[in-house]
Amino acid sequence: MARTKMILRYIRRNPMLGAGLGILLFIIIFTVFGSFITNADSAYPLAAPASQPPSWKYLFGTDGQGRDLFAVAVAGTWLTIRIGLIAGVIGVVVGTALGFAAAFYGGWFDLGVRLVVDVLLTVPGLLILIVIASALGDKSISIDGMALIIALLAWLGPTRTIRAQVLTMRERPYVMMSRLNGMGGPGIIFRELIPNLLPYLGASLVGATTGAIFASIGLAALGLGPQRDPTLGVTLYWVMTQNAFVRGLWWWAAVPIGIVVLIFIMLYFISAGLDELANPRVRRTA
């Protein structure tokens, strides 16, 4: 109870984090309760009359292929966030392992990791993902497969930033004292360094997830990846290819665009709030 009160008190002092968590709670409630009041099959073509504007029967309207856009919003929001979370978690886990190992142990391993990261970061990541997705074809890529493709590059940013953080931390007094007390490298990493970097790792996860969601929407909007699954990117793809704006179907575009904007506002608020938690220089004390 005391810990809960302390967490709630901190959230009141950190309005950005509170706002981000509030939007996250709203999205969870929307997708969970929405799944009970709509049929998942309605998110696929020919499930409803085509091109219907929003009404009491179809809250968000229907698209030009007969999809109920409320069902698309419920299913597509979760599928899009799922891709981002899978790719983001893989990227942060791999980036954390490489960043810690390279910075703490140094030597040839550090040189190799730094060289690979610096070279790959100079190449446009979306271009690489487009080539890979095009080579595999949309019929052989599932939702999880799309997440794995995006995760191929999601570790680059976390590796560089975490390595930089560990380079500064490994020379601090408490690390030197741990060495003098006979603690080995793995013990110092897991007992001393990682606990102190948890807020920063959380912010890195949010950043990696944001980038992965951007990439998934971009690939799907270009017609790459699984086209049958009603993700937000696929919905935008059909909006563009079916000329929704020219046909006056404004609600068809408004649904995915509105949800994407809401997701990125949420991620921005959470990232800013975690940055305040991880950075004592900007941390609120009042």
Protein backbone atom coordinates (compact mmCIF):
# COMPACT_ATOMS: atom_id res chain seq x y z
CA MET A 1 0.00 0.00 0.00
CA ALA A 2 2.79 2.39 0.89
CA ARG A 3 4.59 1.62 -2.37
CA THR A 4 1.39 2.18 -4.35
CA LYS A 5 0.91 5.58 -2.70
CA MET A 6 4.53 6.46 -3.47
CA ILE A 7 4.07 5.51 -7.14
CA LEU A 8 0.84 7.52 -7.42
CA ARG A 9 2.51 10.50 -5.73
CA TYR A 10 5.38 10.37 -8.20
CA ILE A 11 2.99 10.15 -11.17
CA ARG A 12 1.28 13.31 -9.92
CA ARG A 13 4.70 15.02 -9.92
CA ASN A 14 5.41 13.64 -13.42
CA PRO A 15 2.39 14.70 -15.54
CA MET A 16 3.95 13.51 -18.83
CA LEU A 17 4.28 9.96 -17.55
CA GLY A 18 0.82 10.12 -16.02
CA ALA A 19 -0.72 11.31 -19.30
CA GLY A 20 1.07 8.58 -21.27
CA LEU A 21 -0.05 5.86 -18.87
CA GLY A 22 -3.58 7.27 -18.97
CA ILE A 23 -3.69 7.00 -22.77
CA LEU A 24 -2.24 3.48 -22.53
CA LEU A 25 -5.00 2.51 -20.10
CA PHE A 26 -7.60 3.96 -22.48
CA ILE A 27 -6.20 1.96 -25.41
CA ILE A 28 -6.21 -1.24 -23.33
CA ILE A 29 -9.82 -0.66 -22.25
CA PHE A 30 -10.82 0.18 -25.84
CA THR A 31 -9.29 -2.98 -27.33
CA VAL A 32 -10.42 -5.31 -24.52
CA PHE A 33 -14.02 -4.13 -24.29
CA GLY A 34 -14.21 -3.57 -28.02
CA SER A 35 -13.40 -7.24 -28.61
CA PHE A 36 -16.51 -8.18 -26.61
CA ILE A 37 -18.94 -5.96 -28.51
CA THR A 38 -17.72 -6.61 -32.04
CA ASN A 39 -17.03 -9.69 -34.13
CA ALA A 40 -13.41 -10.17 -35.19
CA ASP A 41 -14.58 -11.34 -38.62
CA SER A 42 -16.07 -7.88 -39.22
CA ALA A 43 -12.52 -6.55 -39.67
CA TYR A 44 -12.25 -8.44 -42.98
CA PRO A 45 -13.75 -7.68 -46.41
CA LEU A 46 -17.43 -8.27 -47.25
CA ALA A 47 -18.46 -8.39 -43.59
CA ALA A 48 -20.69 -5.30 -43.89
CA PRO A 49 -22.17 -2.97 -46.52
CA ALA A 50 -19.38 -1.00 -48.19
CA SER A 51 -18.74 2.74 -47.83
CA GLN A 52 -21.18 3.37 -45.00
CA PRO A 53 -20.63 6.57 -42.95
CA PRO A 54 -20.46 6.42 -39.14
CA SER A 55 -23.80 5.53 -37.56
CA TRP A 56 -25.20 3.79 -34.49
CA LYS A 57 -24.91 0.46 -36.29
CA TYR A 58 -21.39 1.09 -37.58
CA LEU A 59 -19.77 3.45 -35.08
CA PHE A 60 -16.72 4.23 -37.23
CA GLY A 61 -18.38 3.49 -40.57
CA THR A 62 -17.25 0.90 -43.12
CA ASP A 63 -14.60 1.02 -45.82
CA GLY A 64 -14.89 0.49 -49.56
CA GLN A 65 -14.41 -3.27 -49.22
CA GLY A 66 -17.02 -3.87 -46.55
CA ARG A 67 -14.90 -3.87 -43.40
CA ASP A 68 -16.43 -2.57 -40.17
CA LEU A 69 -13.89 0.11 -39.21
CA PHE A 70 -14.71 -0.21 -35.50
CA ALA A 71 -13.64 -3.86 -35.67
CA VAL A 72 -10.60 -2.82 -37.70
CA ALA A 73 -9.69 -0.25 -35.02
CA VAL A 74 -10.02 -2.82 -32.23
CA ALA A 75 -8.01 -5.53 -34.01
CA GLY A 76 -5.57 -3.26 -35.84
CA THR A 77 -4.53 -1.27 -32.77
CA TRP A 78 -3.46 -4.39 -30.93
CA LEU A 79 -1.78 -5.96 -33.96
CA THR A 80 0.22 -2.81 -34.67
CA ILE A 81 1.32 -2.42 -31.03
CA ARG A 82 2.14 -6.12 -30.94
CA ILE A 83 4.55 -5.76 -33.86
CA GLY A 84 6.20 -2.78 -32.18
CA LEU A 85 6.51 -4.51 -28.80
CA ILE A 86 8.02 -7.71 -30.21
CA ALA A 87 10.55 -5.84 -32.33
CA GLY A 88 11.26 -3.33 -29.55
CA VAL A 89 11.84 -5.97 -26.87
CA ILE A 90 14.14 -7.97 -29.15
CA GLY A 91 16.03 -4.82 -30.13
CA VAL A 92 16.52 -3.66 -26.52
CA VAL A 93 17.50 -7.12 -25.25
CA VAL A 94 20.09 -7.61 -28.01
CA GLY A 95 21.25 -3.99 -27.78
CA THR A 96 21.59 -4.22 -23.98
CA ALA A 97 23.63 -7.41 -24.18
CA LEU A 98 25.95 -6.05 -26.87
CA GLY A 99 26.20 -2.58 -25.33
CA PHE A 100 27.08 -3.85 -21.87
CA ALA A 101 29.54 -6.45 -23.12
CA ALA A 102 31.27 -4.06 -25.54
CA ALA A 103 31.59 -1.15 -23.08
CA PHE A 104 32.48 -3.15 -19.99
CA TYR A 105 35.02 -5.54 -21.49
CA GLY A 106 36.31 -3.39 -24.36
CA GLY A 107 39.02 -4.74 -26.62
CA TRP A 108 38.44 -6.24 -30.04
CA PHE A 109 34.83 -7.10 -29.24
CA ASP A 110 34.06 -3.46 -28.50
CA LEU A 111 35.81 -2.38 -31.69
CA GLY A 112 33.85 -4.89 -33.76
CA VAL A 113 30.48 -3.96 -32.26
CA ARG A 114 31.14 -0.26 -32.68
CA LEU A 115 32.24 -0.74 -36.31
CA VAL A 116 29.17 -2.80 -37.25
CA VAL A 117 26.77 -0.38 -35.54
CA ASP A 118 28.37 2.73 -37.06
CA VAL A 119 28.31 1.24 -40.56
CA LEU A 120 24.71 -0.02 -40.41
CA LEU A 121 23.40 3.21 -38.93
CA THR A 122 24.61 5.10 -42.00
CA VAL A 123 22.35 3.00 -44.24
CA PRO A 124 18.64 4.00 -44.34
CA GLY A 125 16.96 1.37 -42.19
CA LEU A 126 13.62 1.53 -43.99
CA LEU A 127 15.38 0.84 -47.30
CA ILE A 128 16.92 -2.35 -45.89
CA LEU A 129 13.57 -3.46 -44.49
CA ILE A 130 11.87 -2.80 -47.84
CA VAL A 131 14.41 -4.98 -49.63
CA ILE A 132 14.00 -7.82 -47.12
CA ALA A 133 10.20 -7.65 -47.09
CA SER A 134 10.08 -7.48 -50.90
CA ALA A 135 12.32 -10.51 -51.20
CA LEU A 136 10.17 -12.58 -48.83
CA GLY A 137 6.83 -11.56 -50.32
CA ASP A 138 3.62 -10.75 -48.49
CA LYS A 139 2.27 -14.32 -48.58
CA SER A 140 5.15 -15.73 -46.53
CA ILE A 141 5.19 -13.01 -43.85
CA SER A 142 3.00 -13.21 -40.75
CA ILE A 143 2.50 -10.57 -38.07
CA ASP A 144 5.26 -12.10 -35.94
CA GLY A 145 7.41 -12.48 -39.04
CA MET A 146 7.05 -8.77 -39.76
CA ALA A 147 8.10 -8.03 -36.18
CA LEU A 148 11.20 -10.21 -36.59
CA ILE A 149 12.13 -8.46 -39.84
CA ILE A 150 11.93 -5.06 -38.14
CA ALA A 151 13.89 -6.43 -35.16
CA LEU A 152 16.83 -7.12 -37.49
CA LEU A 153 17.72 -3.42 -37.23
CA ALA A 154 15.97 -2.46 -33.97
CA TRP A 155 19.07 -3.28 -31.87
CA LEU A 156 21.36 -0.72 -33.49
CA GLY A 157 20.16 2.39 -31.65
CA PRO A 158 19.95 0.76 -28.19
CA THR A 159 23.42 -0.76 -28.63
CA ARG A 160 25.03 2.63 -29.30
CA THR A 161 23.23 4.55 -26.54
CA ILE A 162 23.56 1.84 -23.88
CA ARG A 163 27.24 1.40 -24.67
CA ALA A 164 27.77 5.13 -24.15
CA GLN A 165 26.01 4.99 -20.78
CA VAL A 166 28.02 1.99 -19.59
CA LEU A 167 31.30 3.63 -20.62
CA THR A 168 30.61 6.42 -18.12
CA MET A 169 29.26 4.16 -15.39
CA ARG A 170 32.09 1.63 -15.33
CA GLU A 171 34.50 4.25 -13.96
CA ARG A 172 32.30 5.35 -11.07
CA PRO A 173 33.36 4.77 -7.47
CA TYR A 174 30.79 2.11 -6.61
CA VAL A 175 31.96 0.01 -9.57
CA MET A 176 35.59 0.39 -8.48
CA MET A 177 34.63 -0.66 -4.94
CA SER A 178 32.87 -3.73 -6.33
CA ARG A 179 36.03 -4.66 -8.21
CA LEU A 180 38.14 -4.23 -5.06
CA ASN A 181 35.71 -6.47 -3.17
CA GLY A 182 36.39 -9.24 -5.68
CA MET A 183 33.12 -9.07 -7.63
CA GLY A 184 33.47 -10.34 -11.18
CA GLY A 185 32.31 -8.70 -14.38
CA PRO A 186 28.90 -10.45 -14.64
CA GLY A 187 28.18 -9.68 -10.99
CA ILE A 188 28.97 -5.99 -11.45
CA ILE A 189 26.80 -5.83 -14.59
CA PHE A 190 23.74 -7.53 -13.08
CA ARG A 191 24.00 -6.22 -9.51
CA GLU A 192 25.36 -2.72 -9.98
CA LEU A 193 24.98 -1.43 -13.54
CA ILE A 194 21.65 -2.82 -14.79
CA PRO A 195 19.62 -1.76 -11.69
CA ASN A 196 20.93 1.79 -12.08
CA LEU A 197 20.04 1.82 -15.76
CA LEU A 198 16.51 0.40 -15.48
CA PRO A 199 14.72 3.74 -16.09
CA TYR A 200 17.01 4.40 -19.05
CA LEU A 201 16.38 0.88 -20.40
CA GLY A 202 12.65 1.53 -20.09
CA ALA A 203 13.01 4.73 -22.10
CA SER A 204 15.08 2.82 -24.68
CA LEU A 205 12.32 0.21 -24.95
CA VAL A 206 9.73 2.91 -25.59
CA GLY A 207 11.98 4.48 -28.23
CA ALA A 208 12.63 1.14 -29.93
CA THR A 209 8.92 0.30 -29.89
CA THR A 210 8.10 3.68 -31.43
CA GLY A 211 10.59 3.14 -34.23
CA ALA A 212 9.29 -0.38 -34.84
CA ILE A 213 5.69 0.84 -35.08
CA PHE A 214 6.81 3.53 -37.53
CA ALA A 215 8.59 0.91 -39.61
CA SER A 216 5.65 -1.53 -39.57
CA ILE A 217 3.19 1.16 -40.66
CA GLY A 218 5.57 2.37 -43.37
CA LEU A 219 6.13 -1.12 -44.78
CA ALA A 220 2.42 -2.01 -44.69
CA ALA A 221 1.45 1.33 -46.28
CA LEU A 222 3.82 0.51 -49.14
CA GLY A 223 2.04 -2.81 -49.67
CA LEU A 224 4.72 -4.98 -48.05
CA GLY A 225 4.10 -7.59 -45.40
CA PRO A 226 0.85 -9.38 -44.50
CA GLN A 227 -1.98 -7.68 -46.41
CA ARG A 228 -4.87 -9.69 -45.01
CA ASP A 229 -4.35 -8.81 -41.34
CA PRO A 230 -6.18 -5.56 -40.46
CA THR A 231 -3.23 -3.61 -39.07
CA LEU A 232 -3.26 0.18 -39.11
CA GLY A 233 -0.62 0.23 -41.83
CA VAL A 234 -2.64 -2.10 -44.06
CA THR A 235 -5.71 0.08 -43.52
CA LEU A 236 -3.72 3.12 -44.66
CA TYR A 237 -2.54 1.13 -47.68
CA TRP A 238 -6.13 0.50 -48.75
CA VAL A 239 -7.03 4.14 -48.05
CA MET A 240 -4.38 5.22 -50.56
CA THR A 241 -4.94 2.55 -53.20
CA GLN A 242 -8.75 2.88 -53.09
CA ASN A 243 -8.66 6.72 -53.25
CA ALA A 244 -10.70 7.19 -50.09
CA PHE A 245 -10.31 10.97 -50.06
CA VAL A 246 -11.32 11.36 -53.70
CA ARG A 247 -14.42 9.24 -53.05
CA GLY A 248 -15.35 11.31 -50.01
CA LEU A 249 -14.84 8.45 -47.54
CA TRP A 250 -13.10 10.69 -44.97
CA TRP A 251 -13.92 8.37 -42.04
CA TRP A 252 -11.95 5.55 -43.71
CA ALA A 253 -8.75 7.58 -43.37
CA ALA A 254 -9.69 9.28 -40.08
CA VAL A 255 -9.84 6.01 -38.11
CA PRO A 256 -6.27 4.70 -38.69
CA ILE A 257 -4.72 8.19 -38.72
CA GLY A 258 -6.43 9.12 -35.45
CA ILE A 259 -5.30 5.92 -33.72
CA VAL A 260 -1.73 6.28 -35.01
CA VAL A 261 -1.56 9.86 -33.71
CA LEU A 262 -2.94 8.71 -30.33
CA ILE A 263 -0.37 5.91 -30.09
CA PHE A 264 2.54 8.22 -30.82
CA ILE A 265 1.33 10.85 -28.37
CA MET A 266 1.15 8.10 -25.75
CA LEU A 267 4.66 6.86 -26.54
CA TYR A 268 6.05 10.39 -26.51
CA PHE A 269 4.56 11.15 -23.10
CA ILE A 270 5.80 7.86 -21.63
CA SER A 271 9.27 8.36 -23.10
CA ALA A 272 9.48 11.93 -21.76
CA GLY A 273 8.26 10.78 -18.35
CA LEU A 274 10.80 7.95 -18.19
CA ASP A 275 13.54 10.34 -19.29
CA GLU A 276 12.68 12.56 -16.33
CA LEU A 277 12.83 9.52 -14.06
CA ALA A 278 16.21 8.44 -15.45
CA ASN A 279 17.79 11.93 -15.54
CA PRO A 280 18.24 13.47 -12.07
CA ARG A 281 19.02 16.88 -13.62
CA VAL A 282 15.42 17.30 -14.84
CA ARG A 283 13.67 15.30 -12.14
CA ARG A 284 10.87 17.10 -10.31
CA THR A 285 11.08 17.18 -6.54
CA ALA A 286 8.01 19.27 -5.70
